[in-house]
Amino acid sequence: MKYILSSILLFSSVFVFAYQNTDSLTYTLQRNKINQMLDARHRKFGDFDESLSKKTGIFGWKTKKDMQRSMDILTAIIKTDNDILKETKTLLDFKTYQQEQITNKSQESEDRSLAYMRTINKLQTQTELLNTQLLEVRKSQKFFQLVAFALGLALAAILLFVFRKISAK
């Protein structure tokens, strides 16, 4: 029984580890995606710094076109920031989901183990009860054997007595 229980727990843990590897891969891919977006933001911020120092107007002034280019870069940075926040939220939600899954799996495993222990205890109790009943049956069987032997002996004595009475006549 112990070997069966050990085998079941071993096989269930193999599937849990395989599931966790898939989740870890997804988590890593999401983290890489966020890191790429952060790198893109860093490059855009470098472009923004460059656009601030660019002055293509007359007398070294900034033109309206220069300012529009800087604003477009800032808009792109803001969009990238929003996307980074969305992806980070997705990553955090995924991490929360992973933690909930781990908690659920451990709870299921604990519940399953408790159910196995209850079943084992119930079977042990039934085995003890059956052993007790078997001992009682054996005791009563011995008693009935003694009673049957005594009745058989009494019947043999009566028959012997009757046979002697009949033969004495």
N, C-alpha and C. Protein backbone atom coordinates (compact mmCIF):
# COMPACT_ATOMS: atom_id res chain seq x y z
N MET A 1 0.82 -1.18 0.00
CA MET A 1 0.00 0.00 0.00
C MET A 1 0.87 1.25 0.00
N LYS A 2 1.97 1.20 0.79
CA LYS A 2 2.87 2.34 0.84
C LYS A 2 3.50 2.59 -0.53
N TYR A 3 3.82 1.52 -1.23
CA TYR A 3 4.46 1.66 -2.54
C TYR A 3 3.51 2.29 -3.55
N ILE A 4 2.25 1.91 -3.49
CA ILE A 4 1.26 2.48 -4.41
C ILE A 4 1.10 3.97 -4.14
N LEU A 5 0.99 4.32 -2.86
CA LEU A 5 0.84 5.72 -2.49
C LEU A 5 2.07 6.54 -2.90
N SER A 6 3.25 5.98 -2.68
CA SER A 6 4.49 6.66 -3.08
C SER A 6 4.54 6.85 -4.59
N SER A 7 4.13 5.84 -5.33
CA SER A 7 4.14 5.92 -6.80
C SER A 7 3.19 7.00 -7.28
N ILE A 8 2.01 7.06 -6.70
CA ILE A 8 1.03 8.07 -7.10
C ILE A 8 1.57 9.47 -6.84
N LEU A 9 2.14 9.68 -5.67
CA LEU A 9 2.69 11.00 -5.34
C LEU A 9 3.86 11.36 -6.25
N LEU A 10 4.69 10.39 -6.59
CA LEU A 10 5.83 10.63 -7.47
C LEU A 10 5.36 11.05 -8.86
N PHE A 11 4.39 10.32 -9.42
CA PHE A 11 3.91 10.65 -10.76
C PHE A 11 3.19 12.00 -10.78
N SER A 12 2.43 12.32 -9.73
CA SER A 12 1.75 13.61 -9.72
C SER A 12 2.75 14.75 -9.62
N SER A 13 3.85 14.55 -8.90
CA SER A 13 4.85 15.62 -8.79
C SER A 13 5.57 15.85 -10.11
N VAL A 14 5.76 14.80 -10.92
CA VAL A 14 6.40 14.95 -12.24
C VAL A 14 5.56 15.86 -13.12
N PHE A 15 4.23 15.68 -13.10
CA PHE A 15 3.36 16.51 -13.92
C PHE A 15 3.34 17.95 -13.42
N VAL A 16 3.42 18.16 -12.12
CA VAL A 16 3.45 19.51 -11.58
C VAL A 16 4.72 20.23 -12.04
N PHE A 17 5.87 19.54 -12.01
CA PHE A 17 7.12 20.17 -12.45
C PHE A 17 7.08 20.48 -13.94
N ALA A 18 6.49 19.61 -14.75
CA ALA A 18 6.38 19.88 -16.19
C ALA A 18 5.51 21.11 -16.42
N TYR A 19 4.43 21.24 -15.66
CA TYR A 19 3.54 22.38 -15.78
C TYR A 19 4.26 23.66 -15.37
N GLN A 20 5.06 23.59 -14.31
CA GLN A 20 5.78 24.77 -13.86
C GLN A 20 6.81 25.22 -14.88
N ASN A 21 7.45 24.29 -15.60
CA ASN A 21 8.42 24.67 -16.61
C ASN A 21 7.76 25.45 -17.73
N THR A 22 6.55 25.07 -18.14
CA THR A 22 5.82 25.79 -19.17
C THR A 22 5.50 27.20 -18.69
N ASP A 23 5.05 27.31 -17.45
CA ASP A 23 4.74 28.62 -16.88
C ASP A 23 6.00 29.48 -16.78
N SER A 24 7.10 28.88 -16.39
CA SER A 24 8.35 29.63 -16.28
C SER A 24 8.78 30.16 -17.63
N LEU A 25 8.60 29.36 -18.68
CA LEU A 25 8.94 29.79 -20.03
C LEU A 25 8.08 30.98 -20.44
N THR A 26 6.79 30.91 -20.18
CA THR A 26 5.89 32.01 -20.51
C THR A 26 6.27 33.26 -19.75
N TYR A 27 6.58 33.10 -18.47
CA TYR A 27 6.99 34.23 -17.63
C TYR A 27 8.27 34.86 -18.17
N THR A 28 9.24 34.01 -18.56
CA THR A 28 10.51 34.50 -19.10
C THR A 28 10.28 35.25 -20.41
N LEU A 29 9.44 34.71 -21.28
CA LEU A 29 9.13 35.39 -22.54
C LEU A 29 8.50 36.76 -22.29
N GLN A 30 7.59 36.83 -21.33
CA GLN A 30 6.94 38.10 -21.01
C GLN A 30 7.97 39.10 -20.46
N ARG A 31 8.86 38.63 -19.60
CA ARG A 31 9.90 39.50 -19.05
C ARG A 31 10.82 40.01 -20.16
N ASN A 32 11.18 39.13 -21.11
CA ASN A 32 12.03 39.54 -22.23
C ASN A 32 11.33 40.59 -23.08
N LYS A 33 10.01 40.41 -23.27
CA LYS A 33 9.24 41.38 -24.06
C LYS A 33 9.28 42.76 -23.37
N ILE A 34 9.11 42.78 -22.06
CA ILE A 34 9.16 44.05 -21.31
C ILE A 34 10.56 44.65 -21.39
N ASN A 35 11.58 43.84 -21.28
CA ASN A 35 12.96 44.35 -21.37
C ASN A 35 13.23 44.95 -22.74
N GLN A 36 12.71 44.33 -23.81
CA GLN A 36 12.87 44.89 -25.15
C GLN A 36 12.15 46.23 -25.26
N MET A 37 10.97 46.31 -24.66
CA MET A 37 10.22 47.57 -24.69
C MET A 37 10.98 48.66 -23.91
N LEU A 38 11.60 48.28 -22.80
CA LEU A 38 12.39 49.25 -22.03
C LEU A 38 13.60 49.72 -22.83
N ASP A 39 14.22 48.80 -23.56
CA ASP A 39 15.35 49.19 -24.42
C ASP A 39 14.88 50.16 -25.51
N ALA A 40 13.71 49.87 -26.10
CA ALA A 40 13.17 50.77 -27.13
C ALA A 40 12.87 52.14 -26.52
N ARG A 41 12.34 52.17 -25.31
CA ARG A 41 12.06 53.44 -24.63
C ARG A 41 13.36 54.21 -24.40
N HIS A 42 14.38 53.50 -23.99
CA HIS A 42 15.67 54.14 -23.73
C HIS A 42 16.20 54.77 -25.03
N ARG A 43 16.07 54.04 -26.15
CA ARG A 43 16.52 54.59 -27.45
C ARG A 43 15.70 55.81 -27.83
N LYS A 44 14.38 55.76 -27.60
CA LYS A 44 13.53 56.91 -27.93
C LYS A 44 13.88 58.11 -27.05
N PHE A 45 14.20 57.86 -25.80
CA PHE A 45 14.59 58.96 -24.93
C PHE A 45 15.91 59.58 -25.40
N GLY A 46 16.81 58.72 -25.91
CA GLY A 46 18.05 59.24 -26.50
C GLY A 46 17.75 60.10 -27.72
N ASP A 47 16.79 59.65 -28.55
CA ASP A 47 16.37 60.46 -29.70
C ASP A 47 15.78 61.80 -29.25
N PHE A 48 15.01 61.75 -28.14
CA PHE A 48 14.41 62.98 -27.62
C PHE A 48 15.49 63.95 -27.15
N ASP A 49 16.49 63.45 -26.41
CA ASP A 49 17.60 64.31 -25.98
C ASP A 49 18.30 64.93 -27.18
N GLU A 50 18.47 64.12 -28.22
CA GLU A 50 19.14 64.61 -29.44
C GLU A 50 18.28 65.67 -30.11
N SER A 51 16.95 65.45 -30.12
CA SER A 51 16.07 66.42 -30.79
C SER A 51 16.03 67.75 -30.01
N LEU A 52 16.22 67.67 -28.68
CA LEU A 52 16.24 68.91 -27.90
C LEU A 52 17.47 69.76 -28.22
N SER A 53 18.56 69.08 -28.52
CA SER A 53 19.78 69.85 -28.80
C SER A 53 19.86 70.28 -30.27
N LYS A 54 18.99 69.74 -31.12
CA LYS A 54 18.99 70.12 -32.54
C LYS A 54 18.27 71.45 -32.74
N LYS A 55 18.94 72.31 -33.43
CA LYS A 55 18.34 73.62 -33.73
C LYS A 55 18.64 73.91 -35.19
N THR A 56 17.65 73.73 -36.01
CA THR A 56 17.87 73.90 -37.46
C THR A 56 17.39 75.25 -37.97
N GLY A 57 16.91 76.08 -37.12
CA GLY A 57 16.37 77.38 -37.54
C GLY A 57 17.46 78.41 -37.79
N ILE A 58 17.01 79.55 -38.23
CA ILE A 58 17.90 80.66 -38.50
C ILE A 58 18.42 81.20 -37.17
N PHE A 59 19.64 81.52 -37.16
CA PHE A 59 20.33 82.05 -35.99
C PHE A 59 20.42 81.03 -34.85
N GLY A 60 20.32 79.73 -35.18
CA GLY A 60 20.48 78.68 -34.18
C GLY A 60 19.27 78.49 -33.28
N TRP A 61 18.12 78.97 -33.74
CA TRP A 61 16.90 78.79 -32.98
C TRP A 61 16.21 77.49 -33.37
N LYS A 62 15.33 77.05 -32.50
CA LYS A 62 14.53 75.85 -32.81
C LYS A 62 13.37 76.26 -33.69
N THR A 63 13.12 75.42 -34.67
CA THR A 63 11.98 75.69 -35.54
C THR A 63 10.76 74.96 -35.01
N LYS A 64 9.63 75.31 -35.59
CA LYS A 64 8.39 74.66 -35.23
C LYS A 64 8.49 73.17 -35.56
N LYS A 65 9.15 72.86 -36.64
CA LYS A 65 9.34 71.48 -37.06
C LYS A 65 10.19 70.72 -36.03
N ASP A 66 11.22 71.36 -35.49
CA ASP A 66 12.06 70.74 -34.46
C ASP A 66 11.23 70.44 -33.21
N MET A 67 10.41 71.41 -32.81
CA MET A 67 9.58 71.22 -31.63
C MET A 67 8.54 70.12 -31.86
N GLN A 68 7.98 70.06 -33.07
CA GLN A 68 6.99 69.02 -33.39
C GLN A 68 7.65 67.65 -33.34
N ARG A 69 8.87 67.57 -33.84
CA ARG A 69 9.61 66.28 -33.82
C ARG A 69 9.84 65.85 -32.37
N SER A 70 10.23 66.78 -31.49
CA SER A 70 10.44 66.48 -30.07
C SER A 70 9.13 66.02 -29.42
N MET A 71 8.04 66.69 -29.76
CA MET A 71 6.74 66.30 -29.20
C MET A 71 6.32 64.92 -29.70
N ASP A 72 6.59 64.62 -30.97
CA ASP A 72 6.26 63.30 -31.52
C ASP A 72 7.06 62.21 -30.80
N ILE A 73 8.32 62.51 -30.53
CA ILE A 73 9.15 61.54 -29.81
C ILE A 73 8.61 61.34 -28.40
N LEU A 74 8.22 62.46 -27.74
CA LEU A 74 7.63 62.34 -26.39
C LEU A 74 6.34 61.54 -26.41
N THR A 75 5.54 61.75 -27.44
CA THR A 75 4.29 60.99 -27.58
C THR A 75 4.61 59.50 -27.75
N ALA A 76 5.62 59.20 -28.55
CA ALA A 76 6.02 57.80 -28.74
C ALA A 76 6.53 57.21 -27.43
N ILE A 77 7.26 58.00 -26.64
CA ILE A 77 7.75 57.53 -25.34
C ILE A 77 6.58 57.24 -24.41
N ILE A 78 5.59 58.13 -24.42
CA ILE A 78 4.40 57.93 -23.56
C ILE A 78 3.65 56.67 -23.97
N LYS A 79 3.50 56.45 -25.28
CA LYS A 79 2.84 55.23 -25.76
C LYS A 79 3.63 53.99 -25.35
N THR A 80 4.93 54.09 -25.48
CA THR A 80 5.78 52.96 -25.05
C THR A 80 5.64 52.72 -23.55
N ASP A 81 5.62 53.82 -22.77
CA ASP A 81 5.44 53.69 -21.31
C ASP A 81 4.10 53.02 -20.99
N ASN A 82 3.04 53.44 -21.70
CA ASN A 82 1.73 52.82 -21.48
C ASN A 82 1.77 51.33 -21.81
N ASP A 83 2.42 51.00 -22.92
CA ASP A 83 2.54 49.59 -23.30
C ASP A 83 3.36 48.81 -22.27
N ILE A 84 4.42 49.44 -21.77
CA ILE A 84 5.25 48.78 -20.74
C ILE A 84 4.41 48.53 -19.49
N LEU A 85 3.60 49.52 -19.10
CA LEU A 85 2.75 49.35 -17.92
C LEU A 85 1.73 48.23 -18.13
N LYS A 86 1.15 48.16 -19.33
CA LYS A 86 0.19 47.08 -19.63
C LYS A 86 0.87 45.72 -19.55
N GLU A 87 2.04 45.63 -20.16
CA GLU A 87 2.76 44.34 -20.16
C GLU A 87 3.24 43.98 -18.75
N THR A 88 3.64 44.99 -17.97
CA THR A 88 4.05 44.73 -16.59
C THR A 88 2.85 44.25 -15.78
N LYS A 89 1.69 44.85 -16.01
CA LYS A 89 0.48 44.39 -15.32
C LYS A 89 0.17 42.95 -15.72
N THR A 90 0.33 42.64 -17.01
CA THR A 90 0.12 41.27 -17.47
C THR A 90 1.10 40.34 -16.78
N LEU A 91 2.34 40.78 -16.67
CA LEU A 91 3.37 39.97 -16.00
C LEU A 91 3.02 39.75 -14.53
N LEU A 92 2.59 40.80 -13.86
CA LEU A 92 2.21 40.68 -12.45
C LEU A 92 0.97 39.80 -12.29
N ASP A 93 0.01 39.96 -13.22
CA ASP A 93 -1.18 39.10 -13.18
C ASP A 93 -0.78 37.64 -13.38
N PHE A 94 0.16 37.43 -14.29
CA PHE A 94 0.63 36.07 -14.56
C PHE A 94 1.33 35.50 -13.33
N LYS A 95 2.13 36.34 -12.68
CA LYS A 95 2.84 35.89 -11.47
C LYS A 95 1.83 35.56 -10.37
N THR A 96 0.80 36.41 -10.24
CA THR A 96 -0.26 36.15 -9.26
C THR A 96 -0.97 34.84 -9.60
N TYR A 97 -1.26 34.66 -10.89
CA TYR A 97 -1.90 33.43 -11.34
C TYR A 97 -1.03 32.22 -11.01
N GLN A 98 0.28 32.33 -11.24
CA GLN A 98 1.20 31.23 -10.92
C GLN A 98 1.16 30.92 -9.43
N GLN A 99 1.17 31.96 -8.61
CA GLN A 99 1.14 31.74 -7.17
C GLN A 99 -0.17 31.09 -6.74
N GLU A 100 -1.27 31.51 -7.35
CA GLU A 100 -2.57 30.90 -7.04
C GLU A 100 -2.58 29.44 -7.48
N GLN A 101 -2.00 29.17 -8.66
CA GLN A 101 -1.93 27.79 -9.14
C GLN A 101 -1.11 26.92 -8.18
N ILE A 102 0.01 27.45 -7.73
CA ILE A 102 0.86 26.70 -6.80
C ILE A 102 0.10 26.45 -5.50
N THR A 103 -0.59 27.48 -5.02
CA THR A 103 -1.37 27.32 -3.80
C THR A 103 -2.47 26.29 -3.99
N ASN A 104 -3.16 26.37 -5.13
CA ASN A 104 -4.23 25.41 -5.41
C ASN A 104 -3.69 24.00 -5.53
N LYS A 105 -2.57 23.85 -6.23
CA LYS A 105 -1.98 22.52 -6.40
C LYS A 105 -1.55 21.94 -5.05
N SER A 106 -0.93 22.78 -4.23
CA SER A 106 -0.50 22.28 -2.92
C SER A 106 -1.70 21.92 -2.06
N GLN A 107 -2.78 22.72 -2.16
CA GLN A 107 -3.99 22.42 -1.40
C GLN A 107 -4.61 21.11 -1.90
N GLU A 108 -4.65 20.93 -3.21
CA GLU A 108 -5.17 19.68 -3.77
C GLU A 108 -4.34 18.49 -3.33
N SER A 109 -3.02 18.66 -3.35
CA SER A 109 -2.14 17.58 -2.92
C SER A 109 -2.35 17.27 -1.44
N GLU A 110 -2.48 18.31 -0.66
CA GLU A 110 -2.71 18.12 0.78
C GLU A 110 -4.05 17.43 1.01
N ASP A 111 -5.08 17.88 0.30
CA ASP A 111 -6.40 17.26 0.43
C ASP A 111 -6.35 15.79 0.00
N ARG A 112 -5.66 15.54 -1.09
CA ARG A 112 -5.52 14.16 -1.58
C ARG A 112 -4.78 13.30 -0.57
N SER A 113 -3.71 13.84 0.00
CA SER A 113 -2.95 13.10 1.01
C SER A 113 -3.81 12.82 2.24
N LEU A 114 -4.57 13.83 2.67
CA LEU A 114 -5.45 13.63 3.81
C LEU A 114 -6.52 12.58 3.50
N ALA A 115 -7.03 12.61 2.28
CA ALA A 115 -8.03 11.60 1.89
C ALA A 115 -7.40 10.21 1.89
N TYR A 116 -6.17 10.11 1.40
CA TYR A 116 -5.47 8.81 1.43
C TYR A 116 -5.27 8.34 2.87
N MET A 117 -4.86 9.28 3.74
CA MET A 117 -4.64 8.90 5.14
C MET A 117 -5.95 8.46 5.79
N ARG A 118 -7.06 9.19 5.49
CA ARG A 118 -8.36 8.79 6.04
C ARG A 118 -8.75 7.41 5.54
N THR A 119 -8.51 7.16 4.26
CA THR A 119 -8.84 5.85 3.69
C THR A 119 -8.00 4.77 4.33
N ILE A 120 -6.72 5.04 4.51
CA ILE A 120 -5.84 4.05 5.14
C ILE A 120 -6.28 3.79 6.57
N ASN A 121 -6.61 4.86 7.32
CA ASN A 121 -7.08 4.69 8.69
C ASN A 121 -8.39 3.90 8.73
N LYS A 122 -9.29 4.20 7.80
CA LYS A 122 -10.57 3.50 7.73
C LYS A 122 -10.33 2.02 7.44
N LEU A 123 -9.43 1.74 6.49
CA LEU A 123 -9.14 0.34 6.16
C LEU A 123 -8.47 -0.38 7.33
N GLN A 124 -7.58 0.32 8.05
CA GLN A 124 -6.95 -0.29 9.21
C GLN A 124 -7.99 -0.60 10.29
N THR A 125 -8.92 0.32 10.50
CA THR A 125 -9.99 0.10 11.48
C THR A 125 -10.85 -1.08 11.08
N GLN A 126 -11.20 -1.15 9.80
CA GLN A 126 -12.00 -2.28 9.32
C GLN A 126 -11.24 -3.59 9.46
N THR A 127 -9.93 -3.55 9.18
CA THR A 127 -9.12 -4.77 9.33
C THR A 127 -9.10 -5.22 10.78
N GLU A 128 -8.91 -4.27 11.71
CA GLU A 128 -8.93 -4.60 13.13
C GLU A 128 -10.28 -5.17 13.54
N LEU A 129 -11.37 -4.58 13.05
CA LEU A 129 -12.71 -5.06 13.36
C LEU A 129 -12.92 -6.47 12.82
N LEU A 130 -12.48 -6.69 11.60
CA LEU A 130 -12.62 -8.02 11.01
C LEU A 130 -11.78 -9.05 11.76
N ASN A 131 -10.57 -8.66 12.19
CA ASN A 131 -9.73 -9.57 12.97
C ASN A 131 -10.40 -9.91 14.30
N THR A 132 -11.01 -8.90 14.93
CA THR A 132 -11.72 -9.13 16.19
C THR A 132 -12.90 -10.07 15.97
N GLN A 133 -13.65 -9.83 14.90
CA GLN A 133 -14.79 -10.70 14.59
C GLN A 133 -14.31 -12.11 14.29
N LEU A 134 -13.19 -12.24 13.61
CA LEU A 134 -12.65 -13.56 13.29
C LEU A 134 -12.28 -14.31 14.57
N LEU A 135 -11.66 -13.61 15.52
CA LEU A 135 -11.32 -14.24 16.80
C LEU A 135 -12.58 -14.69 17.54
N GLU A 136 -13.62 -13.83 17.51
CA GLU A 136 -14.89 -14.20 18.17
C GLU A 136 -15.51 -15.42 17.50
N VAL A 137 -15.46 -15.46 16.17
CA VAL A 137 -16.01 -16.61 15.44
C VAL A 137 -15.22 -17.87 15.78
N ARG A 138 -13.93 -17.76 15.88
CA ARG A 138 -13.10 -18.93 16.21
C ARG A 138 -13.39 -19.41 17.64
N LYS A 139 -13.56 -18.44 18.56
CA LYS A 139 -13.90 -18.82 19.94
C LYS A 139 -15.25 -19.52 19.98
N SER A 140 -16.24 -18.93 19.29
CA SER A 140 -17.57 -19.56 19.29
C SER A 140 -17.54 -20.89 18.56
N GLN A 141 -16.70 -21.02 17.56
CA GLN A 141 -16.57 -22.28 16.83
C GLN A 141 -15.99 -23.34 17.76
N LYS A 142 -15.00 -22.98 18.56
CA LYS A 142 -14.44 -23.93 19.53
C LYS A 142 -15.49 -24.32 20.55
N PHE A 143 -16.27 -23.32 21.01
CA PHE A 143 -17.34 -23.62 21.97
C PHE A 143 -18.34 -24.60 21.36
N PHE A 144 -18.77 -24.34 20.13
CA PHE A 144 -19.73 -25.23 19.48
C PHE A 144 -19.11 -26.61 19.22
N GLN A 145 -17.83 -26.66 18.93
CA GLN A 145 -17.16 -27.96 18.76
C GLN A 145 -17.17 -28.73 20.08
N LEU A 146 -16.89 -28.03 21.20
CA LEU A 146 -16.91 -28.67 22.51
C LEU A 146 -18.32 -29.15 22.85
N VAL A 147 -19.32 -28.29 22.58
CA VAL A 147 -20.71 -28.68 22.84
C VAL A 147 -21.10 -29.87 21.98
N ALA A 148 -20.73 -29.83 20.70
CA ALA A 148 -21.05 -30.95 19.79
C ALA A 148 -20.35 -32.22 20.25
N PHE A 149 -19.10 -32.08 20.69
CA PHE A 149 -18.36 -33.26 21.18
C PHE A 149 -19.02 -33.82 22.44
N ALA A 150 -19.42 -32.89 23.35
CA ALA A 150 -20.07 -33.33 24.59
C ALA A 150 -21.41 -33.99 24.28
N LEU A 151 -22.18 -33.43 23.37
CA LEU A 151 -23.47 -34.04 22.98
C LEU A 151 -23.24 -35.38 22.31
N GLY A 152 -22.25 -35.44 21.48
CA GLY A 152 -21.93 -36.72 20.82
C GLY A 152 -21.51 -37.76 21.84
N LEU A 153 -20.71 -37.37 22.81
CA LEU A 153 -20.28 -38.28 23.88
C LEU A 153 -21.47 -38.71 24.73
N ALA A 154 -22.35 -37.73 25.04
CA ALA A 154 -23.56 -38.06 25.83
C ALA A 154 -24.46 -38.98 25.03
N LEU A 155 -24.62 -38.75 23.75
CA LEU A 155 -25.45 -39.61 22.90
C LEU A 155 -24.86 -41.01 22.82
N ALA A 156 -23.54 -41.08 22.71
CA ALA A 156 -22.88 -42.39 22.66
C ALA A 156 -23.06 -43.13 23.98
N ALA A 157 -22.98 -42.39 25.10
CA ALA A 157 -23.17 -43.02 26.41
C ALA A 157 -24.60 -43.51 26.57
N ILE A 158 -25.56 -42.72 26.12
CA ILE A 158 -26.97 -43.12 26.21
C ILE A 158 -27.22 -44.33 25.33
N LEU A 159 -26.69 -44.30 24.12
CA LEU A 159 -26.87 -45.44 23.22
C LEU A 159 -26.21 -46.69 23.80
N LEU A 160 -25.07 -46.54 24.37
CA LEU A 160 -24.39 -47.67 24.99
C LEU A 160 -25.21 -48.20 26.17
N PHE A 161 -25.73 -47.26 26.97
CA PHE A 161 -26.56 -47.66 28.08
C PHE A 161 -27.82 -48.37 27.61
N VAL A 162 -28.50 -47.85 26.60
CA VAL A 162 -29.71 -48.45 26.06
C VAL A 162 -29.36 -49.79 25.42
N PHE A 163 -28.30 -49.86 24.71
CA PHE A 163 -27.91 -51.12 24.05
C PHE A 163 -27.61 -52.19 25.10
N ARG A 164 -26.97 -51.82 26.19
CA ARG A 164 -26.70 -52.80 27.25
C ARG A 164 -27.98 -53.24 27.93
N LYS A 165 -28.92 -52.31 28.10
CA LYS A 165 -30.21 -52.68 28.71
C LYS A 165 -30.97 -53.65 27.82
N ILE A 166 -30.92 -53.37 26.51
CA ILE A 166 -31.66 -54.24 25.57
C ILE A 166 -30.94 -55.58 25.49
N SER A 167 -29.66 -55.62 25.47
CA SER A 167 -28.96 -56.89 25.37
C SER A 167 -29.02 -57.65 26.70
N ALA A 168 -29.20 -56.99 27.80
CA ALA A 168 -29.28 -57.68 29.09
C ALA A 168 -30.65 -58.36 29.22
N LYS A 169 -31.61 -57.97 28.55
CA LYS A 169 -32.93 -58.59 28.65
C LYS A 169 -32.91 -59.83 27.88
